C-alpha atoms as a PDB file:
ATOM      1  CA  MET A   1     -20.030   3.999  14.393  1.00  0.00           C
ATOM      2  CA  CYS A   2     -17.735   1.919  16.161  1.00  0.00           C
ATOM      3  CA  LEU A   3     -15.726   0.540  13.960  1.00  0.00           C
ATOM      4  CA  MET A   4     -15.019   4.112  12.003  1.00  0.00           C
ATOM      5  CA  ILE A   5     -13.962   5.380  15.558  1.00  0.00           C
ATOM      6  CA  THR A   6     -11.669   2.762  16.382  1.00  0.00           C
ATOM      7  CA  LEU A   7      -9.849   2.848  12.504  1.00  0.00           C
ATOM      8  CA  LEU A   8      -9.677   6.540  12.835  1.00  0.00           C
ATOM      9  CA  ALA A   9      -7.955   5.977  16.273  1.00  0.00           C
ATOM     10  CA  ALA A  10      -5.569   3.320  14.713  1.00  0.00           C
ATOM     11  CA  VAL A  11      -4.845   5.188  12.146  1.00  0.00           C
ATOM     12  CA  ILE A  12      -3.868   8.431  14.475  1.00  0.00           C
ATOM     13  CA  THR A  13      -1.768   6.365  17.177  1.00  0.00           C
ATOM     14  CA  THR A  14       0.338   4.659  14.170  1.00  0.00           C
ATOM     15  CA  ILE A  15       1.097   7.444  12.257  1.00  0.00           C
ATOM     16  CA  VAL A  16       1.839   8.986  15.765  1.00  0.00           C
ATOM     17  CA  TRP A  17       4.588   6.098  16.344  1.00  0.00           C
ATOM     18  CA  TYR A  18       6.314   5.788  12.980  1.00  0.00           C
ATOM     19  CA  VAL A  19       6.626  10.012  12.921  1.00  0.00           C
ATOM     20  CA  ASN A  20       8.431   8.737  16.884  1.00  0.00           C
ATOM     21  CA  ALA A  21       9.378   5.100  15.557  1.00  0.00           C
ATOM     22  CA  PRO A  22      13.157   5.563  17.185  1.00  0.00           C
ATOM     23  CA  GLU A  23      12.386   6.458  20.162  1.00  0.00           C
ATOM     24  CA  ASN A  24       9.334   4.071  21.008  1.00  0.00           C
ATOM     25  CA  LYS A  25       9.342   5.529  25.104  1.00  0.00           C
ATOM     26  CA  LEU A  26       5.919   6.053  25.180  1.00  0.00           C
ATOM     27  CA  LYS A  27       4.760   2.226  24.112  1.00  0.00           C
ATOM     28  CA  LEU A  28       2.835   3.796  21.312  1.00  0.00           C
ATOM     29  CA  GLY A  29       3.365   0.303  19.505  1.00  0.00           C
ATOM     30  CA  THR A  30       1.021  -1.075  21.935  1.00  0.00           C
ATOM     31  CA  LEU A  31      -1.722   1.295  21.944  1.00  0.00           C
ATOM     32  CA  SER A  32      -1.360   1.085  18.099  1.00  0.00           C
ATOM     33  CA  LEU A  33      -2.016  -2.534  18.053  1.00  0.00           C
ATOM     34  CA  MET A  34      -5.042  -2.307  20.982  1.00  0.00           C
ATOM     35  CA  TYR A  35      -6.741  -0.049  18.322  1.00  0.00           C
ATOM     36  CA  TRP A  36      -6.051  -1.839  15.381  1.00  0.00           C
ATOM     37  CA  GLY A  37      -6.849  -5.527  16.950  1.00  0.00           C
ATOM     38  CA  ALA A  38     -10.576  -3.302  17.918  1.00  0.00           C
ATOM     39  CA  ALA A  39     -10.474  -2.612  14.398  1.00  0.00           C
ATOM     40  CA  LEU A  40     -10.289  -6.120  13.086  1.00  0.00           C
ATOM     41  CA  MET A  41     -12.963  -6.910  15.832  1.00  0.00           C
ATOM     42  CA  TRP A  42     -15.555  -4.793  14.380  1.00  0.00           C
ATOM     43  CA  THR A  43     -15.137  -5.481  11.068  1.00  0.00           C
ATOM     44  CA  ILE A  44     -15.703  -9.508  11.661  1.00  0.00           C
ATOM     45  CA  ASP A  45     -18.956  -7.971  13.863  1.00  0.00           C
ATOM     46  CA  GLY A  46     -19.709  -6.008  10.801  1.00  0.00           C
ATOM     47  CA  PHE A  47     -19.372  -8.878   8.190  1.00  0.00           C
ATOM     48  CA  PHE A  48     -21.837 -11.424  11.058  1.00  0.00           C
ATOM     49  CA  CYS A  49     -23.898  -8.721  11.164  1.00  0.00           C
ATOM     50  CA  VAL A  50     -24.243  -8.613   6.959  1.00  0.00           C
ATOM     51  CA  ALA A  51     -24.861 -12.525   6.961  1.00  0.00           C
ATOM     52  CA  GLU A  52     -27.988 -12.239   8.943  1.00  0.00           C
ATOM     53  CA  GLY A  53     -29.282  -9.344   7.028  1.00  0.00           C
ATOM     54  CA  GLU A  54     -28.490  -6.209   8.982  1.00  0.00           C
ATOM     55  CA  PRO A  55     -26.422  -3.887   8.230  1.00  0.00           C
ATOM     56  CA  PHE A  56     -22.293  -3.200   8.280  1.00  0.00           C
ATOM     57  CA  LEU A  57     -22.272   0.122   9.792  1.00  0.00           C
ATOM     58  CA  ASP A  58     -24.913   0.880  12.687  1.00  0.00           C
ATOM     59  CA  LEU A  59     -24.574   4.642  12.636  1.00  0.00           C
ATOM     60  CA  SER A  60     -26.762   5.224  15.789  1.00  0.00           C
ATOM     61  CA  VAL A  61     -25.739   7.323  18.861  1.00  0.00           C
ATOM     62  CA  SER A  62     -25.344   3.972  21.354  1.00  0.00           C
ATOM     63  CA  ASP A  63     -23.340   2.716  18.785  1.00  0.00           C
ATOM     64  CA  ALA A  64     -20.271   5.811  18.204  1.00  0.00           C
ATOM     65  CA  LEU A  65     -20.868   6.087  22.447  1.00  0.00           C
ATOM     66  CA  LEU A  66     -19.991   2.661  22.458  1.00  0.00           C
ATOM     67  CA  GLY A  67     -17.191   3.765  20.222  1.00  0.00           C
ATOM     68  CA  LEU A  68     -15.749   6.256  22.289  1.00  0.00           C
ATOM     69  CA  LEU A  69     -16.287   3.641  24.914  1.00  0.00           C
ATOM     70  CA  ILE A  70     -14.048   1.770  23.023  1.00  0.00           C
ATOM     71  CA  VAL A  71     -11.356   4.418  22.506  1.00  0.00           C
ATOM     72  CA  ILE A  72     -11.297   5.758  26.401  1.00  0.00           C
ATOM     73  CA  CYS A  73     -10.530   1.840  27.549  1.00  0.00           C
ATOM     74  CA  GLY A  74      -7.625   1.848  25.142  1.00  0.00           C
ATOM     75  CA  LEU A  75      -5.784   4.380  26.680  1.00  0.00           C
ATOM     76  CA  ILE A  76      -6.769   3.442  30.786  1.00  0.00           C
ATOM     77  CA  ALA A  77      -5.077   0.621  29.134  1.00  0.00           C
ATOM     78  CA  TRP A  78      -2.394   2.518  28.035  1.00  0.00           C
ATOM     79  CA  LEU A  79      -1.805   4.520  30.341  1.00  0.00           C
ATOM     80  CA  LEU A  80      -1.622   1.054  32.903  1.00  0.00           C
ATOM     81  CA  ILE A  81       1.130  -0.046  31.178  1.00  0.00           C
ATOM     82  CA  LEU A  82       3.284   3.302  30.103  1.00  0.00           C
ATOM     83  CA  LEU A  83       2.804   3.842  34.419  1.00  0.00           C
ATOM     84  CA  TYR A  84       3.197  -0.039  34.493  1.00  0.00           C
ATOM     85  CA  SER A  85       7.171   0.105  32.862  1.00  0.00           C
ATOM     86  CA  ASP A  86       7.765   3.828  34.138  1.00  0.00           C
ATOM     87  CA  PRO A  87      10.019   4.221  30.346  1.00  0.00           C
ATOM     88  CA  LYS A  88      11.125   8.394  32.487  1.00  0.00           C
ATOM     89  CA  LYS A  89      12.003   6.407  35.664  1.00  0.00           C
ATOM     90  CA  VAL A  90       9.847   8.472  37.760  1.00  0.00           C
ATOM     91  CA  PHE A  91       8.680   6.416  40.332  1.00  0.00           C
ATOM     92  CA  LYS A  92      12.213   5.092  40.883  1.00  0.00           C
ATOM     93  CA  ALA A  93      13.637   7.962  41.215  1.00  0.00           C
ATOM     94  CA  PHE A  94      11.090   9.041  43.548  1.00  0.00           C
ATOM     95  CA  GLN A  95      11.320   5.559  45.339  1.00  0.00           C
ATOM     96  CA  PHE A  96      15.172   6.539  45.906  1.00  0.00           C
ATOM     97  CA  LYS A  97      15.058   9.566  47.139  1.00  0.00           C
ATOM     98  CA  SER A  98      12.630   8.778  50.288  1.00  0.00           C
END
């Protein structure tokens, strides 16, 4: 389930990034790459599960919650990167007004 959730997040962010590609002020490419990296990680994990005789996908609720947690952590990391880069110069303008 982690693989399916992160693949869905990767595809959605890639489509949104591609639509807004010329003006990539929100660094959606970074978020997209985070999710594609997570999807690659879960794919390799699935291959190792098959090699050990387990199913490729785990469809349990706990695995779905883990997938959602990974997506939320990716969003938090992206938000921190976005706040640090300050694409709209909000913090810079606030600093000079004081």
